[in-house]
Amino acid sequence: MADEHVKLLLLNKKARFNFFIDETLECGIELQGTEVKSLRENRFSFGDSYARIKEGQLYLIGFHISPYPFGNLHNHEPERERKLLVHKEEIRKLRKKVEEKGFTLVPIKVYLKNGLIKVELGICRGKKLYDKRETIKQRDLEREG
């Protein structure tokens, strides 16, 4: 396979703290022109974003992309729902996990891969408060030792 050029744009550290990540899935994302330019300039944030399956499609919700400064009247809506590009079979598998086992779909990172913007989606379970305390404890131990 040809050399893949990957450039990380942003990592969702909050997701790793709040959730146990069981599995990840690489997704394409349907964007408008000014959104691509804003993403390339790192003018976006995860906030409390998540993915949801609606009408057989996967959508990213709560993902904020700031308006492009030179976009004038062609600018996009910052908080709109964005369609994630995934095969139907993968959506079927995700639906089973989310409905039966209570998993949540959370964006873990956004990156450029061969010039295309990709979103890594985590299939996650929520952490309890004591799990978060354990994570903090482990991080402090690694920092010291």
N, C-alpha and C. Protein backbone atom coordinates (compact mmCIF):
# COMPACT_ATOMS: atom_id res chain seq x y z
N MET A 1 0.84 -1.20 0.00
CA MET A 1 0.00 0.00 0.00
C MET A 1 0.87 1.25 0.00
N ALA A 2 0.43 2.30 -0.66
CA ALA A 2 1.19 3.54 -0.75
C ALA A 2 1.36 4.18 0.63
N ASP A 3 2.36 5.03 0.73
CA ASP A 3 2.61 5.73 1.99
C ASP A 3 1.41 6.61 2.34
N GLU A 4 0.87 6.42 3.51
CA GLU A 4 -0.26 7.24 3.94
C GLU A 4 0.26 8.42 4.73
N HIS A 5 -0.14 9.60 4.31
CA HIS A 5 0.27 10.81 5.00
C HIS A 5 -0.85 11.22 5.97
N VAL A 6 -0.58 11.15 7.27
CA VAL A 6 -1.58 11.46 8.28
C VAL A 6 -1.10 12.62 9.13
N LYS A 7 -1.95 13.64 9.28
CA LYS A 7 -1.63 14.79 10.13
C LYS A 7 -2.77 14.96 11.13
N LEU A 8 -2.44 14.82 12.41
CA LEU A 8 -3.44 14.97 13.47
C LEU A 8 -3.83 16.43 13.60
N LEU A 9 -5.13 16.73 13.55
CA LEU A 9 -5.61 18.10 13.73
C LEU A 9 -5.96 18.36 15.19
N LEU A 10 -6.71 17.43 15.82
CA LEU A 10 -7.08 17.62 17.22
C LEU A 10 -7.47 16.29 17.85
N LEU A 11 -7.07 16.11 19.11
CA LEU A 11 -7.37 14.90 19.87
C LEU A 11 -8.37 15.27 20.96
N ASN A 12 -9.40 14.45 21.14
CA ASN A 12 -10.42 14.70 22.15
C ASN A 12 -9.98 14.07 23.48
N LYS A 13 -9.25 14.83 24.29
CA LYS A 13 -8.73 14.32 25.56
C LYS A 13 -9.86 14.06 26.55
N LYS A 14 -10.90 14.86 26.48
CA LYS A 14 -12.04 14.72 27.38
C LYS A 14 -12.73 13.36 27.20
N ALA A 15 -12.76 12.89 25.95
CA ALA A 15 -13.40 11.59 25.68
C ALA A 15 -12.64 10.46 26.36
N ARG A 16 -11.31 10.50 26.32
CA ARG A 16 -10.51 9.45 26.95
C ARG A 16 -10.67 9.48 28.47
N PHE A 17 -10.95 10.66 29.02
CA PHE A 17 -11.14 10.78 30.46
C PHE A 17 -12.53 10.32 30.89
N ASN A 18 -13.54 10.63 30.10
CA ASN A 18 -14.94 10.35 30.47
C ASN A 18 -15.44 8.97 30.04
N PHE A 19 -14.72 8.29 29.14
CA PHE A 19 -15.22 7.03 28.59
C PHE A 19 -14.14 5.96 28.51
N PHE A 20 -14.57 4.69 28.58
CA PHE A 20 -13.73 3.56 28.22
C PHE A 20 -13.96 3.35 26.73
N ILE A 21 -12.89 3.35 25.94
CA ILE A 21 -13.03 3.19 24.49
C ILE A 21 -12.82 1.72 24.15
N ASP A 22 -13.89 1.05 23.69
CA ASP A 22 -13.83 -0.37 23.36
C ASP A 22 -13.29 -0.60 21.96
N GLU A 23 -13.70 0.22 21.03
CA GLU A 23 -13.36 0.04 19.62
C GLU A 23 -13.32 1.40 18.95
N THR A 24 -12.60 1.50 17.83
CA THR A 24 -12.60 2.76 17.07
C THR A 24 -12.95 2.46 15.62
N LEU A 25 -13.42 3.49 14.94
CA LEU A 25 -13.86 3.36 13.56
C LEU A 25 -13.49 4.65 12.82
N GLU A 26 -12.82 4.51 11.67
CA GLU A 26 -12.47 5.68 10.87
C GLU A 26 -13.64 6.03 9.96
N CYS A 27 -14.04 7.30 9.98
CA CYS A 27 -15.17 7.77 9.17
C CYS A 27 -14.75 8.97 8.34
N GLY A 28 -15.33 9.08 7.17
CA GLY A 28 -15.22 10.31 6.41
C GLY A 28 -16.28 11.26 6.95
N ILE A 29 -16.21 12.52 6.59
CA ILE A 29 -17.21 13.47 7.06
C ILE A 29 -17.64 14.36 5.90
N GLU A 30 -18.95 14.57 5.76
CA GLU A 30 -19.50 15.39 4.68
C GLU A 30 -19.43 16.85 5.11
N LEU A 31 -18.64 17.64 4.38
CA LEU A 31 -18.41 19.04 4.76
C LEU A 31 -18.72 19.99 3.62
N GLN A 32 -18.95 21.26 3.98
CA GLN A 32 -19.09 22.32 3.00
C GLN A 32 -17.72 22.98 2.83
N GLY A 33 -17.53 23.74 1.78
CA GLY A 33 -16.23 24.33 1.45
C GLY A 33 -15.57 25.12 2.56
N THR A 34 -16.33 26.01 3.21
CA THR A 34 -15.72 26.84 4.24
C THR A 34 -15.40 26.03 5.50
N GLU A 35 -16.12 24.92 5.71
CA GLU A 35 -15.84 24.06 6.86
C GLU A 35 -14.46 23.41 6.72
N VAL A 36 -14.13 23.00 5.52
CA VAL A 36 -12.83 22.37 5.26
C VAL A 36 -11.71 23.35 5.59
N LYS A 37 -11.86 24.59 5.15
CA LYS A 37 -10.83 25.60 5.40
C LYS A 37 -10.68 25.88 6.89
N SER A 38 -11.80 25.97 7.61
CA SER A 38 -11.74 26.19 9.06
C SER A 38 -11.09 25.01 9.77
N LEU A 39 -11.41 23.78 9.36
CA LEU A 39 -10.80 22.59 9.97
C LEU A 39 -9.30 22.56 9.75
N ARG A 40 -8.86 22.89 8.55
CA ARG A 40 -7.43 22.89 8.25
C ARG A 40 -6.68 23.92 9.09
N GLU A 41 -7.38 24.98 9.50
CA GLU A 41 -6.77 26.01 10.36
C GLU A 41 -6.99 25.72 11.84
N ASN A 42 -7.48 24.52 12.18
CA ASN A 42 -7.76 24.11 13.57
C ASN A 42 -8.75 25.03 14.27
N ARG A 43 -9.74 25.50 13.56
CA ARG A 43 -10.75 26.38 14.14
C ARG A 43 -12.02 25.58 14.42
N PHE A 44 -11.90 24.57 15.30
CA PHE A 44 -13.04 23.73 15.65
C PHE A 44 -12.84 23.18 17.05
N SER A 45 -13.93 22.67 17.64
CA SER A 45 -13.83 22.05 18.97
C SER A 45 -14.84 20.92 19.08
N PHE A 46 -14.51 19.96 19.94
CA PHE A 46 -15.38 18.80 20.15
C PHE A 46 -16.55 19.14 21.05
N GLY A 47 -16.33 20.00 22.04
CA GLY A 47 -17.39 20.30 23.00
C GLY A 47 -17.94 19.01 23.58
N ASP A 48 -19.23 18.85 23.59
CA ASP A 48 -19.87 17.61 24.03
C ASP A 48 -20.44 16.89 22.81
N SER A 49 -19.61 16.72 21.80
CA SER A 49 -20.10 16.12 20.56
C SER A 49 -20.19 14.60 20.66
N TYR A 50 -21.09 14.05 19.87
CA TYR A 50 -21.32 12.61 19.83
C TYR A 50 -21.92 12.27 18.46
N ALA A 51 -21.99 10.99 18.15
CA ALA A 51 -22.61 10.57 16.89
C ALA A 51 -23.90 9.82 17.20
N ARG A 52 -24.85 9.94 16.30
CA ARG A 52 -26.15 9.28 16.46
C ARG A 52 -26.59 8.72 15.11
N ILE A 53 -27.26 7.57 15.17
CA ILE A 53 -27.78 6.95 13.95
C ILE A 53 -29.22 7.42 13.78
N LYS A 54 -29.48 8.07 12.61
CA LYS A 54 -30.83 8.54 12.29
C LYS A 54 -31.17 8.11 10.89
N GLU A 55 -32.31 7.45 10.73
CA GLU A 55 -32.81 7.05 9.41
C GLU A 55 -31.75 6.30 8.60
N GLY A 56 -31.02 5.41 9.26
CA GLY A 56 -30.02 4.60 8.57
C GLY A 56 -28.72 5.31 8.23
N GLN A 57 -28.57 6.54 8.73
CA GLN A 57 -27.35 7.31 8.47
C GLN A 57 -26.70 7.68 9.81
N LEU A 58 -25.40 7.94 9.78
CA LEU A 58 -24.67 8.31 10.99
C LEU A 58 -24.37 9.81 10.94
N TYR A 59 -24.75 10.53 12.02
CA TYR A 59 -24.55 11.98 12.07
C TYR A 59 -23.72 12.37 13.27
N LEU A 60 -22.86 13.38 13.08
CA LEU A 60 -22.06 13.95 14.16
C LEU A 60 -22.80 15.18 14.68
N ILE A 61 -23.08 15.20 15.98
CA ILE A 61 -23.88 16.24 16.59
C ILE A 61 -23.06 16.98 17.64
N GLY A 62 -23.21 18.31 17.70
CA GLY A 62 -22.52 19.11 18.70
C GLY A 62 -21.07 19.39 18.38
N PHE A 63 -20.64 19.16 17.15
CA PHE A 63 -19.27 19.39 16.71
C PHE A 63 -19.19 20.79 16.15
N HIS A 64 -18.45 21.68 16.82
CA HIS A 64 -18.43 23.10 16.46
C HIS A 64 -17.27 23.39 15.50
N ILE A 65 -17.59 23.92 14.33
CA ILE A 65 -16.58 24.40 13.39
C ILE A 65 -16.81 25.90 13.23
N SER A 66 -15.83 26.70 13.65
CA SER A 66 -15.96 28.17 13.59
C SER A 66 -16.10 28.64 12.15
N PRO A 67 -16.86 29.73 11.94
CA PRO A 67 -17.00 30.27 10.58
C PRO A 67 -15.64 30.68 10.02
N TYR A 68 -15.44 30.47 8.74
CA TYR A 68 -14.20 30.84 8.08
C TYR A 68 -14.17 32.37 7.95
N PRO A 69 -13.07 33.02 8.39
CA PRO A 69 -13.04 34.49 8.40
C PRO A 69 -13.27 35.15 7.03
N PHE A 70 -12.88 34.48 5.94
CA PHE A 70 -13.03 35.06 4.61
C PHE A 70 -14.19 34.43 3.84
N GLY A 71 -15.12 33.78 4.56
CA GLY A 71 -16.21 33.06 3.92
C GLY A 71 -17.39 33.92 3.52
N ASN A 72 -17.49 35.14 4.00
CA ASN A 72 -18.62 36.06 3.81
C ASN A 72 -19.97 35.36 3.74
N LEU A 73 -20.77 35.56 2.73
CA LEU A 73 -22.13 35.00 2.72
C LEU A 73 -22.15 33.49 2.45
N HIS A 74 -21.03 32.90 2.06
CA HIS A 74 -20.98 31.47 1.78
C HIS A 74 -20.59 30.65 3.01
N ASN A 75 -20.55 31.30 4.17
CA ASN A 75 -20.13 30.60 5.38
C ASN A 75 -21.17 29.57 5.82
N HIS A 76 -20.71 28.63 6.63
CA HIS A 76 -21.54 27.52 7.11
C HIS A 76 -22.09 27.83 8.50
N GLU A 77 -23.07 27.03 8.91
CA GLU A 77 -23.62 27.12 10.27
C GLU A 77 -22.68 26.32 11.19
N PRO A 78 -22.12 26.95 12.26
CA PRO A 78 -21.10 26.30 13.08
C PRO A 78 -21.53 25.00 13.76
N GLU A 79 -22.78 24.89 14.21
CA GLU A 79 -23.21 23.73 15.00
C GLU A 79 -24.10 22.74 14.25
N ARG A 80 -24.12 22.79 12.93
CA ARG A 80 -25.04 21.92 12.18
C ARG A 80 -24.65 20.45 12.33
N GLU A 81 -25.63 19.57 12.11
CA GLU A 81 -25.36 18.13 12.14
C GLU A 81 -24.63 17.77 10.86
N ARG A 82 -23.55 17.01 10.99
CA ARG A 82 -22.76 16.63 9.83
C ARG A 82 -22.83 15.12 9.62
N LYS A 83 -23.06 14.73 8.40
CA LYS A 83 -23.18 13.31 8.07
C LYS A 83 -21.79 12.67 8.06
N LEU A 84 -21.67 11.51 8.73
CA LEU A 84 -20.43 10.75 8.70
C LEU A 84 -20.56 9.68 7.62
N LEU A 85 -19.49 9.49 6.87
CA LEU A 85 -19.52 8.57 5.73
C LEU A 85 -18.99 7.21 6.16
N VAL A 86 -19.92 6.26 6.32
CA VAL A 86 -19.61 4.92 6.79
C VAL A 86 -20.45 3.94 5.97
N HIS A 87 -19.93 2.73 5.77
CA HIS A 87 -20.68 1.70 5.04
C HIS A 87 -21.92 1.28 5.83
N LYS A 88 -22.97 0.90 5.12
CA LYS A 88 -24.24 0.50 5.75
C LYS A 88 -24.06 -0.66 6.71
N GLU A 89 -23.18 -1.61 6.37
CA GLU A 89 -22.93 -2.77 7.23
C GLU A 89 -22.34 -2.33 8.56
N GLU A 90 -21.43 -1.34 8.52
CA GLU A 90 -20.84 -0.83 9.76
C GLU A 90 -21.88 -0.11 10.61
N ILE A 91 -22.79 0.62 9.96
CA ILE A 91 -23.86 1.31 10.68
C ILE A 91 -24.76 0.28 11.37
N ARG A 92 -25.04 -0.83 10.69
CA ARG A 92 -25.85 -1.89 11.28
C ARG A 92 -25.20 -2.45 12.54
N LYS A 93 -23.89 -2.71 12.48
CA LYS A 93 -23.15 -3.22 13.64
C LYS A 93 -23.17 -2.20 14.78
N LEU A 94 -22.97 -0.92 14.44
CA LEU A 94 -22.98 0.13 15.46
C LEU A 94 -24.34 0.23 16.14
N ARG A 95 -25.41 0.14 15.34
CA ARG A 95 -26.77 0.23 15.89
C ARG A 95 -26.99 -0.87 16.92
N LYS A 96 -26.54 -2.09 16.62
CA LYS A 96 -26.70 -3.20 17.57
C LYS A 96 -26.01 -2.90 18.89
N LYS A 97 -24.77 -2.43 18.80
CA LYS A 97 -24.01 -2.16 20.02
C LYS A 97 -24.64 -1.03 20.84
N VAL A 98 -25.05 0.02 20.16
CA VAL A 98 -25.62 1.18 20.86
C VAL A 98 -26.95 0.83 21.51
N GLU A 99 -27.81 0.11 20.79
CA GLU A 99 -29.14 -0.20 21.32
C GLU A 99 -29.12 -1.30 22.37
N GLU A 100 -28.36 -2.38 22.15
CA GLU A 100 -28.37 -3.52 23.06
C GLU A 100 -27.48 -3.32 24.28
N LYS A 101 -26.27 -2.83 24.07
CA LYS A 101 -25.30 -2.80 25.16
C LYS A 101 -25.09 -1.42 25.78
N GLY A 102 -25.77 -0.41 25.27
CA GLY A 102 -25.68 0.92 25.88
C GLY A 102 -24.39 1.66 25.62
N PHE A 103 -23.77 1.44 24.46
CA PHE A 103 -22.56 2.17 24.11
C PHE A 103 -22.91 3.55 23.58
N THR A 104 -21.92 4.45 23.59
CA THR A 104 -22.07 5.80 23.05
C THR A 104 -21.03 5.97 21.95
N LEU A 105 -21.35 6.72 20.93
CA LEU A 105 -20.42 6.98 19.83
C LEU A 105 -19.84 8.39 20.01
N VAL A 106 -18.53 8.47 20.24
CA VAL A 106 -17.88 9.75 20.56
C VAL A 106 -16.70 9.96 19.61
N PRO A 107 -16.55 11.17 19.03
CA PRO A 107 -15.37 11.43 18.19
C PRO A 107 -14.11 11.50 19.07
N ILE A 108 -13.08 10.75 18.70
CA ILE A 108 -11.84 10.68 19.46
C ILE A 108 -10.81 11.65 18.89
N LYS A 109 -10.68 11.67 17.56
CA LYS A 109 -9.74 12.60 16.95
C LYS A 109 -10.17 12.95 15.54
N VAL A 110 -9.67 14.10 15.07
CA VAL A 110 -9.90 14.57 13.71
C VAL A 110 -8.52 14.71 13.08
N TYR A 111 -8.38 14.17 11.87
CA TYR A 111 -7.07 14.23 11.23
C TYR A 111 -7.20 14.28 9.71
N LEU A 112 -6.11 14.68 9.07
CA LEU A 112 -6.03 14.70 7.62
C LEU A 112 -5.33 13.41 7.18
N LYS A 113 -5.91 12.69 6.25
CA LYS A 113 -5.30 11.47 5.74
C LYS A 113 -5.31 11.55 4.22
N ASN A 114 -4.15 11.67 3.64
CA ASN A 114 -4.00 11.82 2.19
C ASN A 114 -4.86 12.97 1.66
N GLY A 115 -4.90 14.08 2.38
CA GLY A 115 -5.64 15.27 1.95
C GLY A 115 -7.12 15.26 2.28
N LEU A 116 -7.63 14.16 2.86
CA LEU A 116 -9.04 14.09 3.23
C LEU A 116 -9.20 14.19 4.74
N ILE A 117 -10.25 14.85 5.18
CA ILE A 117 -10.49 14.98 6.62
C ILE A 117 -11.25 13.76 7.11
N LYS A 118 -10.72 13.13 8.15
CA LYS A 118 -11.31 11.92 8.73
C LYS A 118 -11.61 12.15 10.20
N VAL A 119 -12.60 11.43 10.71
CA VAL A 119 -12.95 11.47 12.12
C VAL A 119 -12.82 10.05 12.65
N GLU A 120 -12.08 9.89 13.76
CA GLU A 120 -12.02 8.58 14.40
C GLU A 120 -13.10 8.56 15.46
N LEU A 121 -14.03 7.64 15.30
CA LEU A 121 -15.18 7.52 16.19
C LEU A 121 -14.91 6.40 17.18
N GLY A 122 -15.10 6.68 18.46
CA GLY A 122 -14.91 5.66 19.49
C GLY A 122 -16.24 5.08 19.90
N ILE A 123 -16.27 3.76 20.06
CA ILE A 123 -17.46 3.08 20.59
C ILE A 123 -17.17 2.94 22.08
N CYS A 124 -17.84 3.75 22.90
CA CYS A 124 -17.43 3.96 24.29
C CYS A 124 -18.50 3.59 25.30
N ARG A 125 -18.01 3.29 26.52
CA ARG A 125 -18.87 3.11 27.69
C ARG A 125 -18.49 4.21 28.67
N GLY A 126 -19.47 4.80 29.33
CA GLY A 126 -19.21 5.87 30.28
C GLY A 126 -18.46 5.39 31.52
N LYS A 127 -17.58 6.24 32.04
CA LYS A 127 -16.86 5.91 33.27
C LYS A 127 -17.64 6.42 34.46
N LYS A 128 -17.56 5.70 35.55
CA LYS A 128 -18.13 6.15 36.81
C LYS A 128 -17.12 7.09 37.47
N LEU A 129 -17.54 7.78 38.51
CA LEU A 129 -16.67 8.73 39.20
C LEU A 129 -15.41 8.05 39.72
N TYR A 130 -15.54 6.84 40.29
CA TYR A 130 -14.36 6.17 40.84
C TYR A 130 -13.39 5.75 39.73
N ASP A 131 -13.90 5.47 38.52
CA ASP A 131 -13.03 5.16 37.40
C ASP A 131 -12.22 6.39 36.99
N LYS A 132 -12.87 7.56 37.03
CA LYS A 132 -12.18 8.80 36.68
C LYS A 132 -11.09 9.10 37.70
N ARG A 133 -11.38 8.84 38.98
CA ARG A 133 -10.36 9.04 40.03
C ARG A 133 -9.17 8.13 39.79
N GLU A 134 -9.44 6.89 39.37
CA GLU A 134 -8.37 5.93 39.07
C GLU A 134 -7.51 6.42 37.90
N THR A 135 -8.15 7.01 36.89
CA THR A 135 -7.44 7.55 35.74
C THR A 135 -6.51 8.67 36.17
N ILE A 136 -7.01 9.55 37.04
CA ILE A 136 -6.18 10.67 37.55
C ILE A 136 -5.00 10.12 38.34
N LYS A 137 -5.26 9.10 39.17
CA LYS A 137 -4.21 8.50 39.99
C LYS A 137 -3.11 7.90 39.10
N GLN A 138 -3.51 7.16 38.06
CA GLN A 138 -2.54 6.56 37.13
C GLN A 138 -1.71 7.64 36.42
N ARG A 139 -2.36 8.70 36.01
CA ARG A 139 -1.67 9.79 35.32
C ARG A 139 -0.63 10.43 36.24
N ASP A 140 -1.00 10.65 37.52
CA ASP A 140 -0.07 11.23 38.48
C ASP A 140 1.11 10.31 38.74
N LEU A 141 0.86 9.00 38.83
CA LEU A 141 1.95 8.04 39.05
C LEU A 141 2.92 8.02 37.86
N GLU A 142 2.39 8.09 36.64
CA GLU A 142 3.24 8.11 35.45
C GLU A 142 4.07 9.38 35.40
N ARG A 143 3.50 10.48 35.82
CA ARG A 143 4.19 11.77 35.80
C ARG A 143 5.37 11.75 36.79
N GLU A 144 5.16 11.14 37.97
CA GLU A 144 6.20 11.10 39.00
C GLU A 144 7.31 10.10 38.67
N GLY A 145 6.92 8.92 38.18
CA GLY A 145 7.90 7.85 37.99
C GLY A 145 8.32 7.72 36.61
